[in-house]
Amino acid sequence: MARPLTLPIPRLPAIPIFHREDFEWAEEVESFFPDILAELHALLDRDAPFEPYVQTPEGAPKGQFAPLDRNVDWGAYFLWKHGRRIDAQADRCPRTEAAIARAPQMKVPGRAPVLFFSALKPGVHIPPHNGATNARLTVHLPLVIPPDCALRVGEETHVWEPGRLVMFDDTIRHEAWNRSDRLRVVLIFDVWHPMLTPLERDLMVAAMTGGLMSFYGHDADLGEL
């Protein structure tokens, strides 16, 4: 069952994992796989600064992510974050940026797009959790995938294959793990849910999110939108 934390779109069906073959842009993005992998290896060779993906604000409850909070066991190297380009980091990965520009990235002022390398160290488990809104799909491009690494969305378990995209609804309870003795890295970005119309994107998502940010403040916790 889909349980968005922030912005539910009621009419959308709860589909855990989508078929990549249904997305006309998927093959073109995948064609950049060798270039993206090369840019990732260049970052890893230079010990690029991956930051902890989970960074709970001071005073906020840490909950299920407490073991990973401010911990680079689950690290991220952002090219885009909260709708802003991180120039110093994105400039190192021009082919990665060019590849993802082929996809219908979610765009919400102050919140999206987001684009980052997600690194999971050996033995790390990301506990089951739900995302912010089903107006989007989360997309993984697997890059470095050792054995015994997988993603579970609802009741479906997906084993990443390097270079093959996986698209899923992250408002359905999901988890991921790396049970190997090596680093696992995927590239993560968001795209609009394919069943949303352009008008719904503008009125139900972008405008509503803008209103929430105006009311609560730009730094309000609106989830990972």
Protein backbone atom coordinates (compact mmCIF):
# COMPACT_ATOMS: atom_id res chain seq x y z
CA MET A 1 0.00 0.00 0.00
CA ALA A 2 1.22 3.49 -0.86
CA ARG A 3 1.45 5.78 2.17
CA PRO A 4 2.89 9.16 1.15
CA LEU A 5 4.26 11.10 4.10
CA THR A 6 3.52 14.56 2.72
CA LEU A 7 1.63 14.88 -0.56
CA PRO A 8 -0.67 12.01 -1.62
CA ILE A 9 -2.29 11.92 -5.07
CA PRO A 10 -5.34 9.71 -4.40
CA ARG A 11 -6.16 8.48 -7.91
CA LEU A 12 -2.74 6.98 -8.68
CA PRO A 13 -2.48 3.18 -8.42
CA ALA A 14 0.00 1.63 -5.98
CA ILE A 15 2.50 -0.08 -8.31
CA PRO A 16 5.69 -1.08 -6.48
CA ILE A 17 8.14 -1.48 -9.38
CA PHE A 18 7.49 -0.28 -12.92
CA HIS A 19 8.69 -1.92 -16.14
CA ARG A 20 11.63 0.01 -17.57
CA GLU A 21 10.51 -1.03 -21.08
CA ASP A 22 7.45 1.23 -20.68
CA PHE A 23 9.59 4.38 -20.55
CA GLU A 24 10.77 5.60 -23.93
CA TRP A 25 13.64 7.59 -22.42
CA ALA A 26 15.08 4.68 -20.40
CA GLU A 27 17.24 3.17 -23.13
CA GLU A 28 18.84 6.52 -23.95
CA VAL A 29 19.71 7.16 -20.30
CA GLU A 30 21.15 3.66 -20.00
CA SER A 31 23.36 4.26 -23.04
CA PHE A 32 25.37 6.69 -20.89
CA PHE A 33 26.18 3.96 -18.36
CA PRO A 34 29.91 3.62 -19.25
CA ASP A 35 30.42 7.41 -19.03
CA ILE A 36 28.55 7.68 -15.71
CA LEU A 37 30.49 4.75 -14.26
CA ALA A 38 33.78 6.37 -15.33
CA GLU A 39 32.80 9.66 -13.63
CA LEU A 40 31.88 7.77 -10.46
CA HIS A 41 35.23 5.96 -10.40
CA ALA A 42 37.01 9.29 -10.85
CA LEU A 43 35.18 10.60 -7.77
CA LEU A 44 36.00 7.50 -5.74
CA ASP A 45 39.66 7.60 -6.82
CA ARG A 46 39.89 11.21 -5.61
CA ASP A 47 38.10 10.45 -2.34
CA ALA A 48 35.32 12.88 -3.22
CA PRO A 49 33.39 14.09 -0.16
CA PHE A 50 30.30 11.91 0.18
CA GLU A 51 28.06 13.31 2.91
CA PRO A 52 25.70 11.36 5.19
CA TYR A 53 22.39 10.92 3.38
CA VAL A 54 20.48 11.06 6.67
CA GLN A 55 20.98 14.37 8.48
CA THR A 56 18.17 14.86 10.99
CA PRO A 57 17.76 18.50 12.09
CA GLU A 58 18.90 19.27 15.62
CA GLY A 59 16.14 18.53 18.12
CA ALA A 60 14.07 16.40 15.72
CA PRO A 61 13.44 12.73 16.59
CA LYS A 62 15.79 10.38 14.79
CA GLY A 63 13.48 7.38 14.77
CA GLN A 64 14.30 4.36 12.60
CA PHE A 65 17.22 6.06 10.86
CA ALA A 66 19.13 6.72 14.11
CA PRO A 67 22.01 4.31 13.30
CA LEU A 68 22.51 6.02 9.93
CA ASP A 69 22.04 9.62 11.08
CA ARG A 70 25.08 11.74 10.15
CA ASN A 71 26.83 8.51 9.23
CA VAL A 72 28.54 8.04 5.85
CA ASP A 73 27.74 4.32 5.94
CA TRP A 74 24.90 5.58 3.73
CA GLY A 75 26.61 8.36 1.82
CA ALA A 76 25.49 10.74 -0.92
CA TYR A 77 27.33 12.84 -3.47
CA PHE A 78 24.81 15.39 -4.72
CA LEU A 79 24.85 16.96 -8.16
CA TRP A 80 21.42 18.50 -7.55
CA LYS A 81 19.74 18.90 -4.16
CA HIS A 82 16.40 20.54 -3.30
CA GLY A 83 16.14 21.87 -6.84
CA ARG A 84 19.56 23.54 -6.73
CA ARG A 85 22.60 22.58 -8.74
CA ILE A 86 25.69 21.94 -6.60
CA ASP A 87 28.06 23.50 -9.11
CA ALA A 88 31.38 22.32 -7.68
CA GLN A 89 30.17 18.72 -7.67
CA ALA A 90 28.02 18.68 -10.80
CA ASP A 91 30.87 20.20 -12.83
CA ARG A 92 32.84 17.01 -12.16
CA CYS A 93 30.12 14.86 -13.75
CA PRO A 94 29.01 16.48 -17.03
CA ARG A 95 28.11 13.20 -18.74
CA THR A 96 26.00 12.13 -15.79
CA GLU A 97 24.09 15.40 -15.91
CA ALA A 98 23.65 15.12 -19.67
CA ALA A 99 22.26 11.60 -19.34
CA ILE A 100 19.64 12.43 -16.73
CA ALA A 101 18.55 15.49 -18.71
CA ARG A 102 16.98 12.95 -21.12
CA ALA A 103 14.51 11.88 -18.41
CA PRO A 104 11.36 13.79 -17.34
CA GLN A 105 12.85 14.91 -14.04
CA MET A 106 10.51 16.18 -11.38
CA LYS A 107 10.80 19.97 -11.07
CA VAL A 108 9.41 21.79 -8.04
CA PRO A 109 11.01 25.13 -7.07
CA GLY A 110 13.05 24.74 -3.90
CA ARG A 111 12.54 20.97 -3.71
CA ALA A 112 13.37 19.16 -6.97
CA PRO A 113 15.13 18.00 -9.07
CA VAL A 114 17.45 15.82 -7.06
CA LEU A 115 20.37 13.85 -8.49
CA PHE A 116 23.03 12.03 -6.48
CA PHE A 117 25.29 9.02 -6.18
CA SER A 118 24.14 6.85 -3.28
CA ALA A 119 26.87 4.74 -1.65
CA LEU A 120 26.06 1.94 0.78
CA LYS A 121 28.97 0.48 2.71
CA PRO A 122 29.37 -3.26 3.37
CA GLY A 123 26.95 -4.75 5.86
CA VAL A 124 24.60 -1.74 5.88
CA HIS A 125 20.80 -2.12 5.88
CA ILE A 126 18.45 0.78 5.12
CA PRO A 127 15.34 0.00 7.20
CA PRO A 128 11.81 -0.07 5.74
CA HIS A 129 10.40 3.41 5.20
CA ASN A 130 7.96 5.44 3.06
CA GLY A 131 8.67 8.43 0.80
CA ALA A 132 7.03 11.83 0.62
CA THR A 133 4.79 11.78 -2.45
CA ASN A 134 3.51 9.38 -5.09
CA ALA A 135 3.56 12.21 -7.65
CA ARG A 136 7.01 10.96 -8.56
CA LEU A 137 8.89 7.75 -9.18
CA THR A 138 12.32 7.15 -7.71
CA VAL A 139 14.80 5.91 -10.31
CA HIS A 140 18.01 3.98 -9.69
CA LEU A 141 20.78 3.51 -12.22
CA PRO A 142 22.89 0.71 -10.69
CA LEU A 143 26.62 1.31 -11.06
CA VAL A 144 28.69 -0.77 -8.63
CA ILE A 145 26.69 -3.80 -7.50
CA PRO A 146 28.41 -6.56 -5.49
CA PRO A 147 26.61 -9.83 -4.73
CA ASP A 148 24.03 -9.93 -1.93
CA CYS A 149 22.68 -6.43 -2.55
CA ALA A 150 18.99 -5.80 -3.20
CA LEU A 151 15.99 -3.48 -2.96
CA ARG A 152 12.58 -4.54 -1.64
CA VAL A 153 9.46 -2.49 -2.47
CA GLY A 154 6.30 -3.82 -0.86
CA GLU A 155 6.45 -7.56 -1.42
CA GLU A 156 8.73 -7.33 -4.48
CA THR A 157 12.48 -7.85 -4.18
CA HIS A 158 14.65 -6.43 -6.96
CA VAL A 159 18.31 -7.30 -7.48
CA TRP A 160 20.07 -4.41 -9.19
CA GLU A 161 21.80 -5.07 -12.51
CA PRO A 162 24.56 -2.63 -13.51
CA GLY A 163 23.36 -0.30 -16.25
CA ARG A 164 19.65 -1.28 -16.06
CA LEU A 165 17.28 1.30 -14.62
CA VAL A 166 14.72 0.47 -11.96
CA MET A 167 11.75 2.79 -11.32
CA PHE A 168 9.61 2.44 -8.20
CA ASP A 169 7.03 4.19 -6.05
CA ASP A 170 8.92 5.03 -2.87
CA THR A 171 5.72 5.79 -0.94
CA ILE A 172 5.26 2.01 -0.79
CA ARG A 173 7.25 0.70 2.16
CA HIS A 174 10.72 -0.16 0.92
CA GLU A 175 14.18 -1.10 2.15
CA ALA A 176 17.63 -1.86 0.77
CA TRP A 177 20.70 -3.75 1.91
CA ASN A 178 24.32 -4.50 1.15
CA ARG A 179 25.30 -7.86 2.62
CA SER A 180 28.57 -8.01 0.71
CA ASP A 181 32.08 -6.97 1.74
CA ARG A 182 32.29 -4.22 -0.91
CA LEU A 183 30.81 -0.80 -1.59
CA ARG A 184 27.49 -0.57 -3.46
CA VAL A 185 26.73 2.57 -5.51
CA VAL A 186 23.64 3.58 -7.48
CA LEU A 187 22.74 6.88 -9.13
CA ILE A 188 19.37 8.18 -7.89
CA PHE A 189 17.00 10.72 -9.43
CA ASP A 190 13.25 11.39 -9.52
CA VAL A 191 10.86 11.57 -12.47
CA TRP A 192 7.23 12.59 -12.66
CA HIS A 193 4.74 9.77 -12.20
CA PRO A 194 3.78 8.82 -15.78
CA MET A 195 0.04 8.91 -14.98
CA LEU A 196 0.08 12.57 -13.90
CA THR A 197 -1.03 15.15 -16.47
CA PRO A 198 0.98 18.37 -16.96
CA LEU A 199 -1.87 20.31 -15.31
CA GLU A 200 -1.79 18.04 -12.27
CA ARG A 201 1.96 18.50 -12.03
CA ASP A 202 1.54 22.27 -11.97
CA LEU A 203 -1.53 22.57 -9.73
CA MET A 204 -1.45 19.52 -7.46
CA VAL A 205 2.29 19.29 -6.89
CA ALA A 206 4.36 22.37 -7.73
CA ALA A 207 1.80 24.98 -6.63
CA MET A 208 0.76 23.08 -3.50
CA THR A 209 4.37 22.52 -2.45
CA GLY A 210 5.11 26.20 -3.02
CA GLY A 211 2.15 27.10 -0.80
CA LEU A 212 3.35 24.81 1.99
CA MET A 213 6.83 26.28 1.81
CA SER A 214 5.45 29.83 1.93
CA PHE A 215 3.32 29.00 4.96
CA TYR A 216 5.81 26.94 6.95
CA GLY A 217 9.02 28.50 5.67
CA HIS A 218 11.57 27.43 3.09
CA ASP A 219 13.37 25.13 5.52
CA ALA A 220 10.23 23.30 6.66
CA ASP A 221 10.43 19.52 6.67
CA LEU A 222 8.20 18.55 3.76
CA GLY A 223 9.77 15.16 3.28
CA GLU A 224 12.13 14.18 0.49
CA LEU A 225 10.15 15.94 -2.24
